[in-house]
Amino acid sequence: MALTQIKLGGLAAESVDSDAYVDGSIDNAHLAGGTDGNIISYDASGDPVAIATGSDGQVLTSTGAGSPPAFENLNNSIEMFYPVDRDSATATRYSNYRTGKDIDDNEDVSCSGVAPAGFTGISNMYVMMFFEQGANSIDLRWTWQMAADNTALSTHEGSDLAVTAVNAIGAAATDRLYKKTIFNEANNGADFEDLIAANDVFGCKFKQAGADNTYVMGMSIVWTF
């Protein structure tokens, strides 16, 4: 039997197809070197491609059909609701599957909570209310306190929150829900979202500055992570 010698460089490109390999015969040691942390995927043409290593904390995310995945920042947020204290005003109102505390003529309600661990910011804040009377203007003032590591911080007072002509509210629209943003509402140079830190305890108070009854359900904060 004659032996055929194959010299280095003597094989044409792609002259050996997959049938010439035994399944499992190519181990990791025989793969081409790459960059630490990269992941092998396929591009739109079906060719192998290395996915660049992401940064610490990033996650591998699909970029859709026809495109390899990529490491991206986890964009996550959650809106948490903080109901008012049931004992912080004189009356509780239950109506159409919702409840709130009635405030009128400088009365107030309060709510409290704890800032979640690991949050990186606040993208919005709201006060939730519904209207007892057919007034088209509701004036609220809100204040808050924060505490951390057994230290009570100063009370920070927000601006007057004027809710004016909301959806042209009239007598027929009594009990209509309203969600009012209170983001960036401070009038003393420091906003709630600029002062709060992870695991801080906070308390907020909403005071009725006008004469028309308002039922405040509570507040919500959109925490980002």
N, C-alpha and C. Protein backbone atom coordinates (compact mmCIF):
# COMPACT_ATOMS: atom_id res chain seq x y z
N MET A 1 0.86 -1.18 0.00
CA MET A 1 0.00 0.00 0.00
C MET A 1 0.90 1.24 0.00
N ALA A 2 0.58 2.10 -0.87
CA ALA A 2 1.36 3.34 -0.96
C ALA A 2 0.89 4.33 0.08
N LEU A 3 1.81 5.04 0.67
CA LEU A 3 1.47 6.07 1.65
C LEU A 3 1.54 7.43 0.98
N THR A 4 0.59 8.21 1.28
CA THR A 4 0.56 9.57 0.74
C THR A 4 0.97 10.54 1.84
N GLN A 5 1.99 11.30 1.58
CA GLN A 5 2.43 12.28 2.56
C GLN A 5 1.73 13.62 2.33
N ILE A 6 1.32 14.21 3.40
CA ILE A 6 0.69 15.54 3.33
C ILE A 6 1.63 16.53 3.99
N LYS A 7 2.15 17.41 3.21
CA LYS A 7 3.08 18.41 3.74
C LYS A 7 2.31 19.57 4.35
N LEU A 8 2.96 20.26 5.28
CA LEU A 8 2.36 21.43 5.92
C LEU A 8 1.97 22.45 4.85
N GLY A 9 0.75 22.87 4.90
CA GLY A 9 0.27 23.83 3.92
C GLY A 9 -0.17 23.18 2.63
N GLY A 10 -0.18 21.82 2.60
CA GLY A 10 -0.53 21.15 1.37
C GLY A 10 -2.01 20.96 1.16
N LEU A 11 -2.84 21.19 2.18
CA LEU A 11 -4.28 21.05 2.05
C LEU A 11 -4.91 22.38 1.64
N ALA A 12 -5.80 22.29 0.70
CA ALA A 12 -6.51 23.50 0.29
C ALA A 12 -7.51 23.89 1.36
N ALA A 13 -7.87 25.15 1.36
CA ALA A 13 -8.85 25.64 2.34
C ALA A 13 -10.16 24.87 2.19
N GLU A 14 -10.75 24.49 3.35
CA GLU A 14 -12.02 23.80 3.42
C GLU A 14 -12.01 22.46 2.69
N SER A 15 -10.81 21.85 2.54
CA SER A 15 -10.74 20.55 1.88
C SER A 15 -11.10 19.41 2.83
N VAL A 16 -11.14 19.69 4.13
CA VAL A 16 -11.55 18.70 5.12
C VAL A 16 -12.88 19.15 5.71
N ASP A 17 -13.93 18.34 5.48
CA ASP A 17 -15.23 18.73 6.01
C ASP A 17 -15.49 18.03 7.33
N SER A 18 -16.68 18.27 7.88
CA SER A 18 -16.99 17.76 9.21
C SER A 18 -17.04 16.24 9.28
N ASP A 19 -17.25 15.58 8.11
CA ASP A 19 -17.31 14.12 8.12
C ASP A 19 -15.97 13.49 8.47
N ALA A 20 -14.89 14.26 8.31
CA ALA A 20 -13.56 13.72 8.59
C ALA A 20 -13.23 13.71 10.08
N TYR A 21 -14.08 14.33 10.88
CA TYR A 21 -13.83 14.40 12.31
C TYR A 21 -14.75 13.45 13.06
N VAL A 22 -14.22 12.82 14.05
CA VAL A 22 -15.02 12.00 14.94
C VAL A 22 -15.69 12.92 15.96
N ASP A 23 -16.97 12.68 16.21
CA ASP A 23 -17.68 13.50 17.18
C ASP A 23 -16.94 13.54 18.51
N GLY A 24 -16.74 14.74 19.03
CA GLY A 24 -16.09 14.91 20.32
C GLY A 24 -14.58 14.82 20.27
N SER A 25 -14.01 14.76 19.05
CA SER A 25 -12.56 14.60 18.95
C SER A 25 -11.80 15.91 19.11
N ILE A 26 -12.49 17.06 19.00
CA ILE A 26 -11.83 18.36 19.15
C ILE A 26 -12.14 18.89 20.55
N ASP A 27 -11.13 18.94 21.38
CA ASP A 27 -11.34 19.41 22.74
C ASP A 27 -10.99 20.89 22.86
N ASN A 28 -11.18 21.43 24.05
CA ASN A 28 -10.95 22.86 24.27
C ASN A 28 -9.52 23.28 23.96
N ALA A 29 -8.57 22.36 24.16
CA ALA A 29 -7.17 22.71 23.95
C ALA A 29 -6.88 22.99 22.48
N HIS A 30 -7.72 22.47 21.57
CA HIS A 30 -7.47 22.65 20.15
C HIS A 30 -8.31 23.76 19.54
N LEU A 31 -9.09 24.45 20.36
CA LEU A 31 -9.82 25.62 19.87
C LEU A 31 -8.88 26.81 19.78
N ALA A 32 -9.17 27.70 18.86
CA ALA A 32 -8.35 28.92 18.75
C ALA A 32 -8.49 29.75 20.02
N GLY A 33 -7.41 30.39 20.40
CA GLY A 33 -7.45 31.23 21.60
C GLY A 33 -8.39 32.41 21.44
N GLY A 34 -8.88 32.90 22.55
CA GLY A 34 -9.79 34.04 22.53
C GLY A 34 -9.53 34.95 23.71
N THR A 35 -10.48 35.84 23.99
CA THR A 35 -10.36 36.80 25.09
C THR A 35 -11.09 36.27 26.32
N ASP A 36 -10.44 36.39 27.45
CA ASP A 36 -11.04 35.94 28.70
C ASP A 36 -12.41 36.58 28.91
N GLY A 37 -13.42 35.73 29.15
CA GLY A 37 -14.76 36.22 29.41
C GLY A 37 -15.66 36.29 28.20
N ASN A 38 -15.09 36.19 26.98
CA ASN A 38 -15.92 36.21 25.78
C ASN A 38 -16.77 34.94 25.67
N ILE A 39 -17.87 35.05 24.95
CA ILE A 39 -18.77 33.93 24.71
C ILE A 39 -18.91 33.75 23.21
N ILE A 40 -18.87 32.50 22.75
CA ILE A 40 -19.00 32.23 21.32
C ILE A 40 -20.48 32.14 20.94
N SER A 41 -20.86 32.89 19.92
CA SER A 41 -22.22 32.86 19.41
C SER A 41 -22.15 32.83 17.88
N TYR A 42 -23.23 33.18 17.21
CA TYR A 42 -23.27 33.20 15.75
C TYR A 42 -23.89 34.51 15.27
N ASP A 43 -23.37 35.02 14.15
CA ASP A 43 -23.89 36.27 13.62
C ASP A 43 -25.03 36.00 12.65
N ALA A 44 -25.48 37.04 11.96
CA ALA A 44 -26.63 36.91 11.06
C ALA A 44 -26.34 35.99 9.89
N SER A 45 -25.08 35.79 9.55
CA SER A 45 -24.70 34.90 8.44
C SER A 45 -24.49 33.46 8.90
N GLY A 46 -24.64 33.23 10.19
CA GLY A 46 -24.43 31.89 10.73
C GLY A 46 -22.99 31.58 11.05
N ASP A 47 -22.13 32.56 10.98
CA ASP A 47 -20.71 32.36 11.28
C ASP A 47 -20.45 32.58 12.77
N PRO A 48 -19.50 31.84 13.33
CA PRO A 48 -19.20 32.04 14.76
C PRO A 48 -18.64 33.43 15.02
N VAL A 49 -18.99 33.97 16.16
CA VAL A 49 -18.55 35.31 16.53
C VAL A 49 -18.36 35.34 18.04
N ALA A 50 -17.37 36.09 18.50
CA ALA A 50 -17.11 36.22 19.94
C ALA A 50 -17.89 37.40 20.49
N ILE A 51 -18.65 37.16 21.55
CA ILE A 51 -19.38 38.23 22.23
C ILE A 51 -18.45 38.87 23.24
N ALA A 52 -18.22 40.15 23.09
CA ALA A 52 -17.26 40.85 23.94
C ALA A 52 -17.66 40.76 25.41
N THR A 53 -16.67 40.62 26.25
CA THR A 53 -16.89 40.52 27.69
C THR A 53 -17.54 41.78 28.22
N GLY A 54 -18.58 41.63 29.03
CA GLY A 54 -19.25 42.78 29.62
C GLY A 54 -18.56 43.25 30.88
N SER A 55 -19.15 44.26 31.48
CA SER A 55 -18.63 44.79 32.74
C SER A 55 -19.30 44.08 33.91
N ASP A 56 -18.71 44.21 35.08
CA ASP A 56 -19.24 43.59 36.28
C ASP A 56 -20.67 44.06 36.52
N GLY A 57 -21.59 43.13 36.71
CA GLY A 57 -22.98 43.46 36.95
C GLY A 57 -23.85 43.46 35.71
N GLN A 58 -23.26 43.46 34.52
CA GLN A 58 -24.05 43.40 33.29
C GLN A 58 -24.56 41.99 33.06
N VAL A 59 -25.62 41.89 32.25
CA VAL A 59 -26.23 40.59 31.96
C VAL A 59 -26.25 40.38 30.45
N LEU A 60 -26.23 39.11 30.03
CA LEU A 60 -26.28 38.77 28.62
C LEU A 60 -27.72 38.93 28.14
N THR A 61 -27.92 39.76 27.12
CA THR A 61 -29.26 40.15 26.68
C THR A 61 -29.44 39.86 25.20
N SER A 62 -30.60 39.34 24.86
CA SER A 62 -30.92 39.14 23.45
C SER A 62 -31.10 40.48 22.76
N THR A 63 -30.54 40.62 21.56
CA THR A 63 -30.72 41.84 20.77
C THR A 63 -31.68 41.61 19.61
N GLY A 64 -32.38 40.48 19.62
CA GLY A 64 -33.36 40.20 18.59
C GLY A 64 -32.83 39.26 17.52
N ALA A 65 -33.74 38.81 16.65
CA ALA A 65 -33.37 37.89 15.59
C ALA A 65 -32.38 38.53 14.63
N GLY A 66 -31.42 37.74 14.16
CA GLY A 66 -30.45 38.23 13.19
C GLY A 66 -29.31 39.01 13.79
N SER A 67 -29.19 38.99 15.11
CA SER A 67 -28.13 39.75 15.77
C SER A 67 -27.64 38.97 16.98
N PRO A 68 -26.34 38.89 17.18
CA PRO A 68 -25.83 38.16 18.35
C PRO A 68 -26.20 38.89 19.64
N PRO A 69 -26.24 38.17 20.75
CA PRO A 69 -26.54 38.82 22.04
C PRO A 69 -25.42 39.75 22.47
N ALA A 70 -25.68 40.51 23.53
CA ALA A 70 -24.68 41.45 24.03
C ALA A 70 -24.82 41.58 25.54
N PHE A 71 -23.72 41.91 26.19
CA PHE A 71 -23.76 42.21 27.61
C PHE A 71 -24.24 43.64 27.80
N GLU A 72 -25.29 43.83 28.60
CA GLU A 72 -25.87 45.16 28.79
C GLU A 72 -26.21 45.35 30.26
N ASN A 73 -26.37 46.62 30.62
CA ASN A 73 -26.77 46.94 31.98
C ASN A 73 -28.20 46.48 32.23
N LEU A 74 -28.46 46.00 33.41
CA LEU A 74 -29.79 45.58 33.78
C LEU A 74 -30.61 46.82 34.13
N ASN A 75 -31.56 47.14 33.28
CA ASN A 75 -32.42 48.31 33.49
C ASN A 75 -33.68 47.86 34.19
N ASN A 76 -33.71 48.05 35.48
CA ASN A 76 -34.81 47.50 36.26
C ASN A 76 -35.36 48.57 37.20
N SER A 77 -36.67 48.60 37.33
CA SER A 77 -37.30 49.52 38.26
C SER A 77 -38.57 48.88 38.80
N ILE A 78 -39.00 49.36 39.94
CA ILE A 78 -40.22 48.87 40.55
C ILE A 78 -40.92 50.03 41.23
N GLU A 79 -42.24 50.11 41.05
CA GLU A 79 -43.03 51.15 41.71
C GLU A 79 -43.69 50.54 42.95
N MET A 80 -43.38 51.11 44.10
CA MET A 80 -43.90 50.59 45.36
C MET A 80 -44.88 51.60 45.95
N PHE A 81 -45.99 51.09 46.45
CA PHE A 81 -47.05 51.93 47.01
C PHE A 81 -46.98 51.92 48.53
N TYR A 82 -47.12 53.11 49.14
CA TYR A 82 -47.09 53.26 50.59
C TYR A 82 -48.41 53.88 51.03
N PRO A 83 -49.32 53.08 51.57
CA PRO A 83 -50.64 53.60 51.95
C PRO A 83 -50.55 54.51 53.17
N VAL A 84 -51.56 55.39 53.30
CA VAL A 84 -51.59 56.29 54.45
C VAL A 84 -51.92 55.50 55.71
N ASP A 85 -51.48 56.03 56.82
CA ASP A 85 -51.78 55.46 58.12
C ASP A 85 -53.27 55.58 58.37
N ARG A 86 -53.91 54.49 58.75
CA ARG A 86 -55.37 54.50 58.94
C ARG A 86 -55.78 55.40 60.09
N ASP A 87 -54.89 55.69 61.01
CA ASP A 87 -55.23 56.50 62.17
C ASP A 87 -54.75 57.94 62.06
N SER A 88 -54.28 58.35 60.87
CA SER A 88 -53.67 59.67 60.77
C SER A 88 -54.67 60.75 60.38
N ALA A 89 -55.94 60.42 60.25
CA ALA A 89 -56.98 61.42 59.99
C ALA A 89 -58.27 60.93 60.61
N THR A 90 -59.29 61.75 60.54
CA THR A 90 -60.51 61.49 61.29
C THR A 90 -61.43 60.48 60.65
N ALA A 91 -61.32 60.26 59.34
CA ALA A 91 -62.28 59.39 58.68
C ALA A 91 -61.60 58.58 57.59
N THR A 92 -62.09 57.37 57.42
CA THR A 92 -61.62 56.52 56.34
C THR A 92 -62.75 56.34 55.34
N ARG A 93 -62.40 56.35 54.06
CA ARG A 93 -63.42 56.25 53.02
C ARG A 93 -63.15 55.01 52.17
N TYR A 94 -64.13 54.16 52.03
CA TYR A 94 -64.06 53.03 51.13
C TYR A 94 -65.05 53.29 50.00
N SER A 95 -64.58 53.26 48.78
CA SER A 95 -65.45 53.54 47.64
C SER A 95 -64.89 52.89 46.39
N ASN A 96 -65.69 52.06 45.76
CA ASN A 96 -65.30 51.45 44.49
C ASN A 96 -63.93 50.80 44.57
N TYR A 97 -63.73 49.94 45.56
CA TYR A 97 -62.51 49.15 45.71
C TYR A 97 -61.28 49.99 46.06
N ARG A 98 -61.45 51.14 46.64
CA ARG A 98 -60.30 51.94 47.05
C ARG A 98 -60.60 52.57 48.41
N THR A 99 -59.54 52.92 49.09
CA THR A 99 -59.70 53.52 50.41
C THR A 99 -58.72 54.68 50.55
N GLY A 100 -59.07 55.64 51.37
CA GLY A 100 -58.20 56.78 51.61
C GLY A 100 -58.60 57.45 52.91
N LYS A 101 -57.82 58.44 53.31
CA LYS A 101 -58.11 59.19 54.52
C LYS A 101 -58.54 60.60 54.15
N ASP A 102 -59.61 61.04 54.77
CA ASP A 102 -60.20 62.34 54.48
C ASP A 102 -59.40 63.44 55.17
N ILE A 103 -59.00 64.46 54.41
CA ILE A 103 -58.36 65.63 55.01
C ILE A 103 -59.07 66.89 54.53
N ASP A 104 -59.22 67.83 55.45
CA ASP A 104 -59.97 69.05 55.16
C ASP A 104 -59.51 70.13 56.13
N ASP A 105 -59.39 71.37 55.64
CA ASP A 105 -59.09 72.51 56.51
C ASP A 105 -57.85 72.29 57.37
N ASN A 106 -56.70 72.14 56.70
CA ASN A 106 -55.40 72.00 57.36
C ASN A 106 -55.21 70.67 58.10
N GLU A 107 -56.05 69.69 57.85
CA GLU A 107 -55.80 68.35 58.38
C GLU A 107 -54.72 67.68 57.52
N ASP A 108 -54.16 66.59 58.04
CA ASP A 108 -53.10 65.92 57.30
C ASP A 108 -53.18 64.42 57.47
N VAL A 109 -52.50 63.72 56.59
CA VAL A 109 -52.34 62.27 56.67
C VAL A 109 -50.86 61.96 56.51
N SER A 110 -50.47 60.78 56.93
CA SER A 110 -49.06 60.41 56.83
C SER A 110 -48.90 58.98 56.34
N CYS A 111 -47.73 58.69 55.79
CA CYS A 111 -47.38 57.34 55.39
C CYS A 111 -45.88 57.19 55.58
N SER A 112 -45.40 55.95 55.62
CA SER A 112 -43.99 55.72 55.89
C SER A 112 -43.53 54.46 55.19
N GLY A 113 -42.22 54.27 55.14
CA GLY A 113 -41.65 53.10 54.50
C GLY A 113 -40.15 53.05 54.68
N VAL A 114 -39.53 52.08 54.03
CA VAL A 114 -38.08 51.89 54.08
C VAL A 114 -37.56 51.84 52.65
N ALA A 115 -36.52 52.60 52.38
CA ALA A 115 -35.91 52.57 51.05
C ALA A 115 -35.26 51.21 50.82
N PRO A 116 -35.50 50.58 49.68
CA PRO A 116 -34.97 49.23 49.45
C PRO A 116 -33.45 49.22 49.32
N ALA A 117 -32.86 48.12 49.72
CA ALA A 117 -31.41 47.94 49.57
C ALA A 117 -31.07 47.80 48.09
N GLY A 118 -29.97 48.40 47.70
CA GLY A 118 -29.47 48.23 46.34
C GLY A 118 -30.06 49.16 45.30
N PHE A 119 -30.96 50.07 45.69
CA PHE A 119 -31.52 50.96 44.67
C PHE A 119 -30.48 52.01 44.26
N THR A 120 -30.54 52.43 43.02
CA THR A 120 -29.56 53.39 42.50
C THR A 120 -30.15 54.77 42.26
N GLY A 121 -31.46 54.90 42.33
CA GLY A 121 -32.08 56.20 42.12
C GLY A 121 -33.59 56.10 42.18
N ILE A 122 -34.24 57.24 42.00
CA ILE A 122 -35.70 57.33 41.95
C ILE A 122 -36.06 58.02 40.65
N SER A 123 -36.91 57.39 39.84
CA SER A 123 -37.29 57.98 38.56
C SER A 123 -38.58 58.77 38.64
N ASN A 124 -39.41 58.54 39.67
CA ASN A 124 -40.62 59.34 39.85
C ASN A 124 -41.23 59.05 41.21
N MET A 125 -42.07 59.98 41.65
CA MET A 125 -42.82 59.83 42.89
C MET A 125 -44.21 60.40 42.66
N TYR A 126 -45.21 59.82 43.35
CA TYR A 126 -46.59 60.24 43.15
C TYR A 126 -47.34 60.26 44.47
N VAL A 127 -48.36 61.12 44.54
CA VAL A 127 -49.35 61.03 45.59
C VAL A 127 -50.65 60.59 44.91
N MET A 128 -51.34 59.63 45.52
CA MET A 128 -52.60 59.12 45.00
C MET A 128 -53.75 59.66 45.83
N MET A 129 -54.76 60.14 45.17
CA MET A 129 -55.91 60.72 45.88
C MET A 129 -57.18 60.54 45.07
N PHE A 130 -58.32 60.73 45.72
CA PHE A 130 -59.57 60.90 45.00
C PHE A 130 -60.40 61.96 45.71
N PHE A 131 -61.38 62.49 45.03
CA PHE A 131 -62.02 63.72 45.45
C PHE A 131 -63.42 63.46 46.01
N GLU A 132 -63.67 64.04 47.17
CA GLU A 132 -64.97 63.90 47.81
C GLU A 132 -65.97 64.90 47.24
N GLN A 133 -65.51 66.11 46.91
CA GLN A 133 -66.39 67.16 46.42
C GLN A 133 -66.08 67.45 44.96
N GLY A 134 -66.88 68.29 44.36
CA GLY A 134 -66.72 68.61 42.96
C GLY A 134 -65.75 69.74 42.70
N ALA A 135 -64.81 69.95 43.61
CA ALA A 135 -63.85 71.04 43.43
C ALA A 135 -62.91 70.74 42.28
N ASN A 136 -62.49 71.78 41.58
CA ASN A 136 -61.54 71.58 40.48
C ASN A 136 -60.15 72.08 40.86
N SER A 137 -59.91 72.36 42.14
CA SER A 137 -58.60 72.78 42.58
C SER A 137 -58.33 72.23 43.97
N ILE A 138 -57.29 71.45 44.09
CA ILE A 138 -56.92 70.86 45.37
C ILE A 138 -55.49 71.30 45.68
N ASP A 139 -55.27 71.88 46.84
CA ASP A 139 -53.94 72.34 47.24
C ASP A 139 -53.42 71.48 48.38
N LEU A 140 -52.27 70.88 48.17
CA LEU A 140 -51.63 70.05 49.18
C LEU A 140 -50.24 70.58 49.47
N ARG A 141 -49.80 70.38 50.70
CA ARG A 141 -48.41 70.62 51.06
C ARG A 141 -47.89 69.32 51.66
N TRP A 142 -46.69 68.91 51.21
CA TRP A 142 -46.15 67.68 51.77
C TRP A 142 -44.80 67.93 52.40
N THR A 143 -44.55 67.22 53.48
CA THR A 143 -43.27 67.28 54.19
C THR A 143 -42.78 65.86 54.40
N TRP A 144 -41.50 65.73 54.72
CA TRP A 144 -40.98 64.39 54.95
C TRP A 144 -39.82 64.43 55.92
N GLN A 145 -39.56 63.29 56.51
CA GLN A 145 -38.38 63.09 57.35
C GLN A 145 -37.74 61.77 56.95
N MET A 146 -36.44 61.68 57.19
CA MET A 146 -35.69 60.45 56.94
C MET A 146 -34.82 60.15 58.14
N ALA A 147 -34.55 58.88 58.35
CA ALA A 147 -33.70 58.49 59.47
C ALA A 147 -32.82 57.32 59.05
N ALA A 148 -31.57 57.35 59.47
CA ALA A 148 -30.63 56.27 59.17
C ALA A 148 -29.64 56.14 60.30
N ASP A 149 -29.27 54.91 60.64
CA ASP A 149 -28.26 54.65 61.67
C ASP A 149 -28.58 55.36 62.98
N ASN A 150 -29.83 55.28 63.40
CA ASN A 150 -30.28 55.85 64.67
C ASN A 150 -30.14 57.36 64.74
N THR A 151 -30.05 58.01 63.58
CA THR A 151 -29.93 59.47 63.55
C THR A 151 -31.14 60.05 62.83
N ALA A 152 -31.88 60.90 63.48
CA ALA A 152 -33.03 61.55 62.86
C ALA A 152 -32.55 62.76 62.05
N LEU A 153 -32.83 62.74 60.78
CA LEU A 153 -32.43 63.86 59.94
C LEU A 153 -33.46 64.98 60.02
N SER A 154 -33.12 66.13 59.50
CA SER A 154 -34.00 67.28 59.55
C SER A 154 -35.25 67.06 58.70
N THR A 155 -36.30 67.74 59.06
CA THR A 155 -37.51 67.72 58.26
C THR A 155 -37.30 68.56 57.01
N HIS A 156 -37.63 68.00 55.86
CA HIS A 156 -37.49 68.70 54.60
C HIS A 156 -38.87 68.94 54.02
N GLU A 157 -39.16 70.16 53.69
CA GLU A 157 -40.50 70.53 53.26
C GLU A 157 -40.55 70.74 51.76
N GLY A 158 -41.52 70.10 51.11
CA GLY A 158 -41.71 70.26 49.69
C GLY A 158 -42.57 71.46 49.36
N SER A 159 -42.67 71.76 48.09
CA SER A 159 -43.48 72.88 47.63
C SER A 159 -44.97 72.57 47.76
N ASP A 160 -45.79 73.63 47.71
CA ASP A 160 -47.22 73.41 47.61
C ASP A 160 -47.52 72.66 46.33
N LEU A 161 -48.36 71.65 46.42
CA LEU A 161 -48.75 70.88 45.25
C LEU A 161 -50.14 71.33 44.83
N ALA A 162 -50.23 72.12 43.81
CA ALA A 162 -51.51 72.63 43.35
C ALA A 162 -52.06 71.73 42.25
N VAL A 163 -53.16 71.07 42.54
CA VAL A 163 -53.83 70.22 41.56
C VAL A 163 -55.01 71.02 41.02
N THR A 164 -54.84 71.58 39.84
CA THR A 164 -55.82 72.54 39.33
C THR A 164 -56.49 72.01 38.07
N ALA A 165 -57.81 72.08 38.05
CA ALA A 165 -58.61 71.71 36.87
C ALA A 165 -58.20 70.33 36.33
N VAL A 166 -58.14 69.37 37.22
CA VAL A 166 -57.76 68.02 36.82
C VAL A 166 -58.90 67.37 36.05
N ASN A 167 -58.69 67.18 34.74
CA ASN A 167 -59.71 66.58 33.89
C ASN A 167 -61.05 67.31 33.99
N ALA A 168 -60.99 68.61 34.24
CA ALA A 168 -62.21 69.42 34.36
C ALA A 168 -63.17 68.80 35.36
N ILE A 169 -62.66 68.47 36.53
CA ILE A 169 -63.47 67.80 37.54
C ILE A 169 -64.65 68.68 37.94
N GLY A 170 -65.81 68.09 37.95
CA GLY A 170 -67.02 68.76 38.39
C GLY A 170 -67.77 67.87 39.34
N ALA A 171 -68.98 68.25 39.69
CA ALA A 171 -69.76 67.48 40.65
C ALA A 171 -69.98 66.05 40.19
N ALA A 172 -70.11 65.84 38.88
CA ALA A 172 -70.37 64.50 38.36
C ALA A 172 -69.15 63.61 38.44
N ALA A 173 -67.98 64.22 38.69
CA ALA A 173 -66.75 63.45 38.68
C ALA A 173 -66.24 63.17 40.10
N THR A 174 -67.09 63.34 41.10
CA THR A 174 -66.70 63.05 42.47
C THR A 174 -66.22 61.61 42.58
N ASP A 175 -65.20 61.38 43.37
CA ASP A 175 -64.58 60.08 43.59
C ASP A 175 -63.65 59.67 42.44
N ARG A 176 -63.30 60.58 41.58
CA ARG A 176 -62.37 60.25 40.51
C ARG A 176 -60.95 60.17 41.07
N LEU A 177 -60.23 59.15 40.67
CA LEU A 177 -58.85 58.98 41.12
C LEU A 177 -57.92 59.95 40.41
N TYR A 178 -56.87 60.33 41.10
CA TYR A 178 -55.86 61.18 40.48
C TYR A 178 -54.49 60.78 41.01
N LYS A 179 -53.51 60.78 40.12
CA LYS A 179 -52.13 60.42 40.46
C LYS A 179 -51.26 61.61 40.12
N LYS A 180 -50.76 62.29 41.13
CA LYS A 180 -50.03 63.54 40.96
C LYS A 180 -48.55 63.31 41.22
N THR A 181 -47.69 63.66 40.26
CA THR A 181 -46.26 63.53 40.48
C THR A 181 -45.78 64.55 41.50
N ILE A 182 -44.89 64.12 42.38
CA ILE A 182 -44.28 65.03 43.36
C ILE A 182 -42.76 64.95 43.23
N PHE A 183 -42.31 64.61 42.03
CA PHE A 183 -40.88 64.50 41.76
C PHE A 183 -40.28 65.89 41.62
N ASN A 184 -39.12 66.13 42.23
CA ASN A 184 -38.43 67.43 42.18
C ASN A 184 -39.30 68.57 42.69
N GLU A 185 -39.98 68.34 43.80
CA GLU A 185 -40.91 69.35 44.31
C GLU A 185 -40.38 70.14 45.50
N ALA A 186 -39.15 69.90 45.92
CA ALA A 186 -38.64 70.58 47.11
C ALA A 186 -38.44 72.07 46.85
N ASN A 187 -38.65 72.87 47.89
CA ASN A 187 -38.44 74.31 47.75
C ASN A 187 -37.27 74.80 48.61
N ASN A 188 -36.49 73.86 49.15
CA ASN A 188 -35.37 74.27 50.01
C ASN A 188 -34.03 73.84 49.43
N GLY A 189 -34.00 73.51 48.14
CA GLY A 189 -32.75 73.17 47.49
C GLY A 189 -32.36 71.72 47.54
N ALA A 190 -33.11 70.88 48.25
CA ALA A 190 -32.79 69.46 48.34
C ALA A 190 -34.07 68.65 48.14
N ASP A 191 -34.08 67.81 47.13
CA ASP A 191 -35.25 66.99 46.85
C ASP A 191 -35.19 65.68 47.63
N PHE A 192 -36.35 65.09 47.82
CA PHE A 192 -36.45 63.81 48.51
C PHE A 192 -35.52 62.79 47.88
N GLU A 193 -35.55 62.71 46.54
CA GLU A 193 -34.77 61.69 45.83
C GLU A 193 -33.27 61.94 45.92
N ASP A 194 -32.87 63.16 46.27
CA ASP A 194 -31.44 63.46 46.41
C ASP A 194 -30.91 63.15 47.81
N LEU A 195 -31.82 62.96 48.76
CA LEU A 195 -31.42 62.78 50.15
C LEU A 195 -31.55 61.34 50.64
N ILE A 196 -32.48 60.59 50.07
CA ILE A 196 -32.76 59.25 50.55
C ILE A 196 -31.61 58.30 50.19
N ALA A 197 -31.33 57.37 51.07
CA ALA A 197 -30.29 56.37 50.84
C ALA A 197 -30.86 54.99 51.14
N ALA A 198 -30.19 53.96 50.66
CA ALA A 198 -30.66 52.59 50.85
C ALA A 198 -30.85 52.30 52.34
N ASN A 199 -31.97 51.66 52.65
CA ASN A 199 -32.33 51.23 54.00
C ASN A 199 -32.73 52.37 54.93
N ASP A 200 -32.80 53.60 54.41
CA ASP A 200 -33.32 54.70 55.22
C ASP A 200 -34.80 54.49 55.52
N VAL A 201 -35.20 54.86 56.72
CA VAL A 201 -36.62 54.92 57.05
C VAL A 201 -37.11 56.33 56.71
N PHE A 202 -38.27 56.43 56.07
CA PHE A 202 -38.80 57.74 55.72
C PHE A 202 -40.27 57.84 56.11
N GLY A 203 -40.67 59.05 56.43
CA GLY A 203 -42.07 59.34 56.71
C GLY A 203 -42.49 60.58 55.95
N CYS A 204 -43.68 60.56 55.38
CA CYS A 204 -44.20 61.70 54.61
C CYS A 204 -45.55 62.12 55.15
N LYS A 205 -45.81 63.41 55.09
CA LYS A 205 -47.08 63.96 55.55
C LYS A 205 -47.68 64.85 54.47
N PHE A 206 -48.96 64.65 54.21
CA PHE A 206 -49.68 65.46 53.23
C PHE A 206 -50.75 66.26 53.96
N LYS A 207 -50.69 67.58 53.77
CA LYS A 207 -51.60 68.49 54.48
C LYS A 207 -52.49 69.21 53.50
N GLN A 208 -53.77 69.23 53.82
CA GLN A 208 -54.74 69.94 52.98
C GLN A 208 -54.67 71.43 53.27
N ALA A 209 -54.35 72.21 52.23
CA ALA A 209 -54.21 73.66 52.41
C ALA A 209 -55.49 74.41 52.06
N GLY A 210 -56.47 73.71 51.50
CA GLY A 210 -57.71 74.36 51.11
C GLY A 210 -58.87 73.86 51.95
N ALA A 211 -60.07 74.20 51.50
CA ALA A 211 -61.26 73.87 52.26
C ALA A 211 -62.01 72.66 51.72
N ASP A 212 -61.63 72.17 50.54
CA ASP A 212 -62.36 71.07 49.92
C ASP A 212 -61.79 69.73 50.37
N ASN A 213 -62.69 68.83 50.70
CA ASN A 213 -62.26 67.51 51.17
C ASN A 213 -61.49 66.77 50.08
N THR A 214 -60.43 66.08 50.52
CA THR A 214 -59.65 65.23 49.64
C THR A 214 -59.37 63.93 50.37
N TYR A 215 -59.49 62.83 49.69
CA TYR A 215 -59.12 61.54 50.25
C TYR A 215 -57.79 61.13 49.68
N VAL A 216 -56.77 61.07 50.52
CA VAL A 216 -55.44 60.66 50.08
C VAL A 216 -55.27 59.17 50.36
N MET A 217 -54.92 58.44 49.32
CA MET A 217 -54.74 57.00 49.45
C MET A 217 -53.33 56.64 49.91
N GLY A 218 -52.35 57.43 49.48
CA GLY A 218 -50.97 57.15 49.83
C GLY A 218 -50.04 57.72 48.77
N MET A 219 -48.82 57.25 48.76
CA MET A 219 -47.84 57.70 47.78
C MET A 219 -47.14 56.49 47.19
N SER A 220 -46.56 56.68 46.02
CA SER A 220 -45.77 55.61 45.41
C SER A 220 -44.43 56.19 44.99
N ILE A 221 -43.42 55.34 44.98
CA ILE A 221 -42.06 55.71 44.56
C ILE A 221 -41.59 54.69 43.55
N VAL A 222 -41.03 55.18 42.45
CA VAL A 222 -40.47 54.30 41.42
C VAL A 222 -38.97 54.20 41.69
N TRP A 223 -38.55 53.09 42.28
CA TRP A 223 -37.14 52.86 42.60
C TRP A 223 -36.46 52.22 41.41
N THR A 224 -35.24 52.66 41.09
CA THR A 224 -34.48 52.04 40.01
C THR A 224 -33.29 51.30 40.59
N PHE A 225 -32.89 50.22 39.90
CA PHE A 225 -31.82 49.36 40.37
C PHE A 225 -30.79 49.13 39.27
